[in-house]
């Protein structure tokens, strides 16, 4: 069974924030608005000039659809590197459903591994 620490993303916190945002096709200002911070603050995080507080990190992970462990330390699965969906609502919805299905499969795989005798 693969351990979560077996997969490590060696990018920085800021790099992971930016990649996740771009994967969703979201603008910096849009993400900042959803998180309740200024776009300048978001740019500072993405450039590793500052780090978000814990409560913002958890909310940020939820908005970006990634685990806090991956966002903070690069452990676990990265967001799929598919091209960002276009502005069309149906395309974006299909991309999000695909990501959800992928996450559901990963959860099922991990649950099977946890259920197996150690």
N, C-alpha and C. Protein backbone atom coordinates (compact mmCIF):
# COMPACT_ATOMS: atom_id res chain seq x y z
N UNK A 1 0.84 -1.19 0.00
CA UNK A 1 0.00 0.00 0.00
C UNK A 1 0.88 1.24 0.00
N UNK A 2 0.53 2.21 -0.80
CA UNK A 2 1.28 3.45 -0.89
C UNK A 2 0.97 4.34 0.32
N UNK A 3 2.01 4.87 0.92
CA UNK A 3 1.88 5.78 2.04
C UNK A 3 1.71 7.19 1.50
N UNK A 4 0.94 8.04 2.20
CA UNK A 4 0.72 9.41 1.74
C UNK A 4 2.05 10.16 1.61
N UNK A 5 3.04 9.80 2.42
CA UNK A 5 4.32 10.50 2.36
C UNK A 5 5.18 10.01 1.20
N UNK A 6 4.74 8.96 0.50
CA UNK A 6 5.49 8.48 -0.67
C UNK A 6 5.40 9.46 -1.83
N UNK A 7 4.34 10.24 -1.88
CA UNK A 7 4.17 11.23 -2.95
C UNK A 7 4.38 12.61 -2.36
N UNK A 8 5.43 13.26 -2.76
CA UNK A 8 5.74 14.60 -2.23
C UNK A 8 5.93 15.54 -3.39
N UNK A 9 5.22 16.64 -3.35
CA UNK A 9 5.36 17.70 -4.33
C UNK A 9 6.40 18.66 -3.78
N UNK A 10 7.47 18.88 -4.52
CA UNK A 10 8.58 19.69 -4.01
C UNK A 10 8.46 21.17 -4.35
N UNK A 11 7.30 21.59 -4.81
CA UNK A 11 7.06 23.00 -5.07
C UNK A 11 6.90 23.71 -3.72
N UNK A 12 6.82 25.02 -3.74
CA UNK A 12 6.60 25.80 -2.53
C UNK A 12 5.10 25.91 -2.26
N UNK A 13 4.76 26.38 -1.08
CA UNK A 13 3.36 26.63 -0.75
C UNK A 13 2.75 27.57 -1.78
N UNK A 14 3.44 28.65 -2.08
CA UNK A 14 2.93 29.61 -3.07
C UNK A 14 2.74 28.99 -4.44
N UNK A 15 3.68 28.15 -4.84
CA UNK A 15 3.58 27.47 -6.12
C UNK A 15 2.39 26.54 -6.18
N UNK A 16 2.14 25.84 -5.07
CA UNK A 16 0.98 24.93 -5.03
C UNK A 16 -0.33 25.72 -5.05
N UNK A 17 -0.37 26.86 -4.36
CA UNK A 17 -1.58 27.70 -4.40
C UNK A 17 -1.84 28.15 -5.83
N UNK A 18 -0.80 28.66 -6.47
CA UNK A 18 -0.95 29.18 -7.84
C UNK A 18 -1.36 28.06 -8.81
N UNK A 19 -0.70 26.92 -8.74
CA UNK A 19 -1.04 25.80 -9.64
C UNK A 19 -2.48 25.37 -9.45
N UNK A 20 -2.92 25.27 -8.20
CA UNK A 20 -4.30 24.85 -7.93
C UNK A 20 -5.30 25.85 -8.49
N UNK A 21 -5.01 27.13 -8.28
CA UNK A 21 -5.89 28.18 -8.79
C UNK A 21 -5.97 28.12 -10.30
N UNK A 22 -4.81 27.99 -10.96
CA UNK A 22 -4.77 27.95 -12.42
C UNK A 22 -5.46 26.70 -12.96
N UNK A 23 -5.34 25.58 -12.26
CA UNK A 23 -6.01 24.35 -12.69
C UNK A 23 -7.53 24.56 -12.73
N UNK A 24 -8.03 25.35 -11.80
CA UNK A 24 -9.47 25.64 -11.77
C UNK A 24 -9.86 26.75 -12.76
N UNK A 25 -8.87 27.38 -13.37
CA UNK A 25 -9.16 28.48 -14.29
C UNK A 25 -9.67 29.71 -13.57
N UNK A 26 -9.21 29.90 -12.36
CA UNK A 26 -9.68 31.00 -11.53
C UNK A 26 -8.65 32.13 -11.51
N UNK A 27 -9.10 33.36 -11.61
CA UNK A 27 -8.22 34.52 -11.53
C UNK A 27 -7.83 34.76 -10.07
N UNK A 28 -6.67 35.38 -9.89
CA UNK A 28 -6.19 35.71 -8.54
C UNK A 28 -7.23 36.52 -7.78
N UNK A 29 -7.80 37.53 -8.43
CA UNK A 29 -8.79 38.40 -7.78
C UNK A 29 -10.04 37.61 -7.39
N UNK A 30 -10.45 36.66 -8.21
CA UNK A 30 -11.63 35.86 -7.90
C UNK A 30 -11.38 35.00 -6.66
N UNK A 31 -10.23 34.34 -6.61
CA UNK A 31 -9.90 33.52 -5.44
C UNK A 31 -9.78 34.39 -4.19
N UNK A 32 -9.13 35.52 -4.32
CA UNK A 32 -9.00 36.44 -3.18
C UNK A 32 -10.38 36.85 -2.66
N UNK A 33 -11.26 37.18 -3.57
CA UNK A 33 -12.62 37.58 -3.19
C UNK A 33 -13.37 36.47 -2.47
N UNK A 34 -13.25 35.26 -2.97
CA UNK A 34 -13.93 34.13 -2.33
C UNK A 34 -13.36 33.85 -0.94
N UNK A 35 -12.08 34.16 -0.76
CA UNK A 35 -11.42 33.90 0.52
C UNK A 35 -11.55 35.09 1.48
N UNK A 36 -11.93 36.24 0.94
CA UNK A 36 -12.09 37.43 1.78
C UNK A 36 -10.79 38.15 2.07
N UNK A 37 -9.85 38.09 1.13
CA UNK A 37 -8.59 38.82 1.28
C UNK A 37 -8.39 39.69 0.04
N UNK A 38 -7.43 40.60 0.12
CA UNK A 38 -7.12 41.47 -1.01
C UNK A 38 -6.32 40.69 -2.05
N UNK A 39 -6.49 41.03 -3.33
CA UNK A 39 -5.69 40.37 -4.38
C UNK A 39 -4.18 40.50 -4.12
N UNK A 40 -3.76 41.62 -3.54
CA UNK A 40 -2.33 41.79 -3.23
C UNK A 40 -1.86 40.76 -2.22
N UNK A 41 -2.73 40.45 -1.25
CA UNK A 41 -2.40 39.42 -0.25
C UNK A 41 -2.24 38.08 -0.93
N UNK A 42 -3.17 37.75 -1.82
CA UNK A 42 -3.10 36.48 -2.54
C UNK A 42 -1.83 36.40 -3.38
N UNK A 43 -1.48 37.48 -4.07
CA UNK A 43 -0.25 37.49 -4.86
C UNK A 43 0.98 37.29 -3.98
N UNK A 44 0.97 37.88 -2.79
CA UNK A 44 2.07 37.69 -1.84
C UNK A 44 2.21 36.24 -1.43
N UNK A 45 1.08 35.57 -1.21
CA UNK A 45 1.13 34.14 -0.86
C UNK A 45 1.68 33.32 -2.02
N UNK A 46 1.19 33.62 -3.23
CA UNK A 46 1.63 32.85 -4.40
C UNK A 46 3.10 33.08 -4.71
N UNK A 47 3.65 34.20 -4.31
CA UNK A 47 5.07 34.51 -4.55
C UNK A 47 5.94 34.15 -3.35
N UNK A 48 5.35 33.50 -2.35
CA UNK A 48 6.05 33.07 -1.14
C UNK A 48 6.66 34.24 -0.37
N UNK A 49 6.01 35.37 -0.42
CA UNK A 49 6.46 36.53 0.36
C UNK A 49 5.78 36.57 1.72
N UNK A 50 4.70 35.81 1.85
CA UNK A 50 3.95 35.71 3.10
C UNK A 50 3.21 34.38 3.07
N UNK A 51 2.69 33.97 4.23
CA UNK A 51 1.92 32.73 4.30
C UNK A 51 0.58 33.01 4.96
N UNK A 52 -0.45 32.34 4.48
CA UNK A 52 -1.77 32.54 5.10
C UNK A 52 -1.82 31.92 6.50
N UNK A 53 -2.67 32.47 7.33
CA UNK A 53 -2.91 31.88 8.65
C UNK A 53 -3.62 30.54 8.48
N UNK A 54 -3.61 29.75 9.54
CA UNK A 54 -4.16 28.39 9.50
C UNK A 54 -5.62 28.37 9.03
N UNK A 55 -6.44 29.28 9.56
CA UNK A 55 -7.85 29.26 9.16
C UNK A 55 -8.03 29.57 7.68
N UNK A 56 -7.20 30.46 7.14
CA UNK A 56 -7.27 30.79 5.71
C UNK A 56 -6.74 29.62 4.88
N UNK A 57 -5.71 28.93 5.37
CA UNK A 57 -5.16 27.77 4.65
C UNK A 57 -6.22 26.68 4.49
N UNK A 58 -6.94 26.39 5.56
CA UNK A 58 -7.97 25.35 5.50
C UNK A 58 -9.08 25.76 4.54
N UNK A 59 -9.52 27.00 4.62
CA UNK A 59 -10.55 27.49 3.70
C UNK A 59 -10.04 27.49 2.27
N UNK A 60 -8.80 27.91 2.09
CA UNK A 60 -8.18 27.94 0.76
C UNK A 60 -8.14 26.54 0.16
N UNK A 61 -7.75 25.55 0.94
CA UNK A 61 -7.71 24.16 0.46
C UNK A 61 -9.10 23.72 0.01
N UNK A 62 -10.12 24.08 0.78
CA UNK A 62 -11.49 23.72 0.41
C UNK A 62 -11.93 24.37 -0.88
N UNK A 63 -11.64 25.64 -1.05
CA UNK A 63 -12.01 26.35 -2.27
C UNK A 63 -11.29 25.74 -3.48
N UNK A 64 -10.01 25.41 -3.29
CA UNK A 64 -9.21 24.89 -4.40
C UNK A 64 -9.43 23.39 -4.64
N UNK A 65 -10.12 22.73 -3.73
CA UNK A 65 -10.40 21.31 -3.90
C UNK A 65 -9.17 20.42 -3.71
N UNK A 66 -8.27 20.84 -2.83
CA UNK A 66 -7.08 20.04 -2.53
C UNK A 66 -7.04 19.79 -1.03
N UNK A 67 -6.23 18.84 -0.61
CA UNK A 67 -6.13 18.57 0.81
C UNK A 67 -5.21 19.61 1.46
N UNK A 68 -5.48 19.94 2.72
CA UNK A 68 -4.57 20.85 3.42
C UNK A 68 -3.15 20.29 3.48
N UNK A 69 -3.00 18.98 3.62
CA UNK A 69 -1.66 18.36 3.67
C UNK A 69 -0.90 18.61 2.38
N UNK A 70 -1.58 18.52 1.24
CA UNK A 70 -0.90 18.79 -0.03
C UNK A 70 -0.57 20.27 -0.15
N UNK A 71 -1.52 21.10 0.21
CA UNK A 71 -1.30 22.54 0.07
C UNK A 71 -0.14 23.01 0.95
N UNK A 72 -0.10 22.56 2.18
CA UNK A 72 0.92 23.01 3.13
C UNK A 72 2.28 22.37 2.85
N UNK A 73 2.29 21.04 2.70
CA UNK A 73 3.58 20.35 2.62
C UNK A 73 3.85 19.58 1.35
N UNK A 74 2.87 19.53 0.46
CA UNK A 74 3.07 18.80 -0.79
C UNK A 74 2.85 17.31 -0.68
N UNK A 75 2.22 16.85 0.41
CA UNK A 75 1.99 15.42 0.61
C UNK A 75 0.64 15.01 0.07
N UNK A 76 0.63 13.93 -0.72
CA UNK A 76 -0.62 13.43 -1.27
C UNK A 76 -0.80 13.82 -2.72
N UNK A 77 -2.04 13.78 -3.15
CA UNK A 77 -2.36 14.00 -4.56
C UNK A 77 -2.48 15.48 -4.89
N UNK A 78 -1.84 15.86 -5.98
CA UNK A 78 -1.95 17.21 -6.51
C UNK A 78 -3.22 17.32 -7.33
N UNK A 79 -3.67 18.54 -7.59
CA UNK A 79 -4.83 18.67 -8.48
C UNK A 79 -4.46 18.16 -9.87
N UNK A 80 -5.45 17.64 -10.55
CA UNK A 80 -5.19 17.13 -11.89
C UNK A 80 -4.66 18.25 -12.77
N UNK A 81 -3.70 17.92 -13.60
CA UNK A 81 -3.03 18.92 -14.42
C UNK A 81 -3.72 19.12 -15.77
N UNK A 82 -5.00 18.80 -15.85
CA UNK A 82 -5.74 19.01 -17.09
C UNK A 82 -5.82 20.50 -17.38
N UNK A 83 -5.96 20.87 -18.63
CA UNK A 83 -6.13 22.29 -18.93
C UNK A 83 -7.34 22.85 -18.19
N UNK A 84 -7.25 24.07 -17.78
CA UNK A 84 -8.35 24.71 -17.06
C UNK A 84 -9.58 24.78 -17.97
N UNK A 85 -10.76 24.54 -17.40
CA UNK A 85 -11.96 24.63 -18.22
C UNK A 85 -12.19 26.05 -18.70
N UNK A 86 -12.83 26.15 -19.84
CA UNK A 86 -13.14 27.46 -20.39
C UNK A 86 -14.20 28.16 -19.58
N UNK A 87 -14.56 29.34 -20.01
CA UNK A 87 -15.55 30.12 -19.26
C UNK A 87 -16.95 29.52 -19.33
N UNK A 88 -17.13 28.56 -20.22
CA UNK A 88 -18.44 27.93 -20.37
C UNK A 88 -18.80 27.16 -19.10
N UNK A 89 -19.97 27.41 -18.56
CA UNK A 89 -20.42 26.79 -17.31
C UNK A 89 -20.43 25.26 -17.41
N UNK A 90 -20.90 24.71 -18.50
CA UNK A 90 -20.98 23.26 -18.66
C UNK A 90 -19.59 22.63 -18.64
N UNK A 91 -18.61 23.28 -19.28
CA UNK A 91 -17.24 22.76 -19.26
C UNK A 91 -16.68 22.75 -17.85
N UNK A 92 -16.90 23.82 -17.13
CA UNK A 92 -16.38 23.91 -15.76
C UNK A 92 -17.05 22.88 -14.86
N UNK A 93 -18.34 22.71 -15.01
CA UNK A 93 -19.08 21.73 -14.23
C UNK A 93 -18.58 20.32 -14.52
N UNK A 94 -18.36 20.01 -15.78
CA UNK A 94 -17.85 18.68 -16.14
C UNK A 94 -16.46 18.45 -15.55
N UNK A 95 -15.61 19.47 -15.57
CA UNK A 95 -14.27 19.34 -15.01
C UNK A 95 -14.33 19.11 -13.50
N UNK A 96 -15.21 19.82 -12.82
CA UNK A 96 -15.35 19.65 -11.38
C UNK A 96 -15.89 18.27 -11.03
N UNK A 97 -16.84 17.78 -11.82
CA UNK A 97 -17.37 16.43 -11.59
C UNK A 97 -16.29 15.38 -11.80
N UNK A 98 -15.46 15.57 -12.79
CA UNK A 98 -14.36 14.65 -13.04
C UNK A 98 -13.39 14.63 -11.86
N UNK A 99 -13.07 15.81 -11.33
CA UNK A 99 -12.19 15.88 -10.16
C UNK A 99 -12.83 15.20 -8.96
N UNK A 100 -14.15 15.41 -8.77
CA UNK A 100 -14.85 14.79 -7.66
C UNK A 100 -14.80 13.27 -7.78
N UNK A 101 -15.02 12.75 -9.00
CA UNK A 101 -14.96 11.31 -9.22
C UNK A 101 -13.57 10.77 -8.90
N UNK A 102 -12.55 11.49 -9.30
CA UNK A 102 -11.18 11.09 -9.03
C UNK A 102 -10.92 11.06 -7.52
N UNK A 103 -11.41 12.05 -6.81
CA UNK A 103 -11.24 12.09 -5.35
C UNK A 103 -12.00 10.95 -4.70
N UNK A 104 -13.21 10.66 -5.17
CA UNK A 104 -13.99 9.55 -4.63
C UNK A 104 -13.26 8.22 -4.82
N UNK A 105 -12.63 8.03 -5.99
CA UNK A 105 -11.87 6.80 -6.22
C UNK A 105 -10.67 6.70 -5.28
N UNK A 106 -10.00 7.81 -5.07
CA UNK A 106 -8.84 7.83 -4.16
C UNK A 106 -9.28 7.52 -2.73
N UNK A 107 -10.40 8.08 -2.29
CA UNK A 107 -10.92 7.80 -0.95
C UNK A 107 -11.25 6.32 -0.82
N UNK A 108 -11.92 5.75 -1.81
CA UNK A 108 -12.27 4.34 -1.77
C UNK A 108 -11.01 3.47 -1.71
N UNK A 109 -10.00 3.82 -2.48
CA UNK A 109 -8.75 3.06 -2.47
C UNK A 109 -8.10 3.11 -1.10
N UNK A 110 -8.07 4.30 -0.51
CA UNK A 110 -7.46 4.45 0.82
C UNK A 110 -8.27 3.72 1.89
N UNK A 111 -9.58 3.77 1.79
CA UNK A 111 -10.41 3.07 2.76
C UNK A 111 -10.21 1.57 2.69
N UNK A 112 -10.06 1.04 1.48
CA UNK A 112 -9.78 -0.40 1.34
C UNK A 112 -8.46 -0.75 1.98
N UNK A 113 -7.47 0.11 1.81
CA UNK A 113 -6.16 -0.12 2.41
C UNK A 113 -6.21 -0.06 3.91
N UNK A 114 -7.02 0.83 4.46
CA UNK A 114 -7.13 0.96 5.91
C UNK A 114 -7.91 -0.20 6.50
N UNK A 115 -8.82 -0.78 5.71
CA UNK A 115 -9.63 -1.88 6.20
C UNK A 115 -8.85 -3.19 6.20
N UNK A 116 -7.80 -3.27 5.41
CA UNK A 116 -7.01 -4.50 5.34
C UNK A 116 -6.22 -4.67 6.65
N UNK A 117 -6.03 -5.94 7.06
CA UNK A 117 -5.26 -6.17 8.28
C UNK A 117 -3.84 -5.64 8.12
N UNK A 118 -3.34 -5.01 9.17
CA UNK A 118 -2.02 -4.38 9.10
C UNK A 118 -0.97 -5.29 9.46
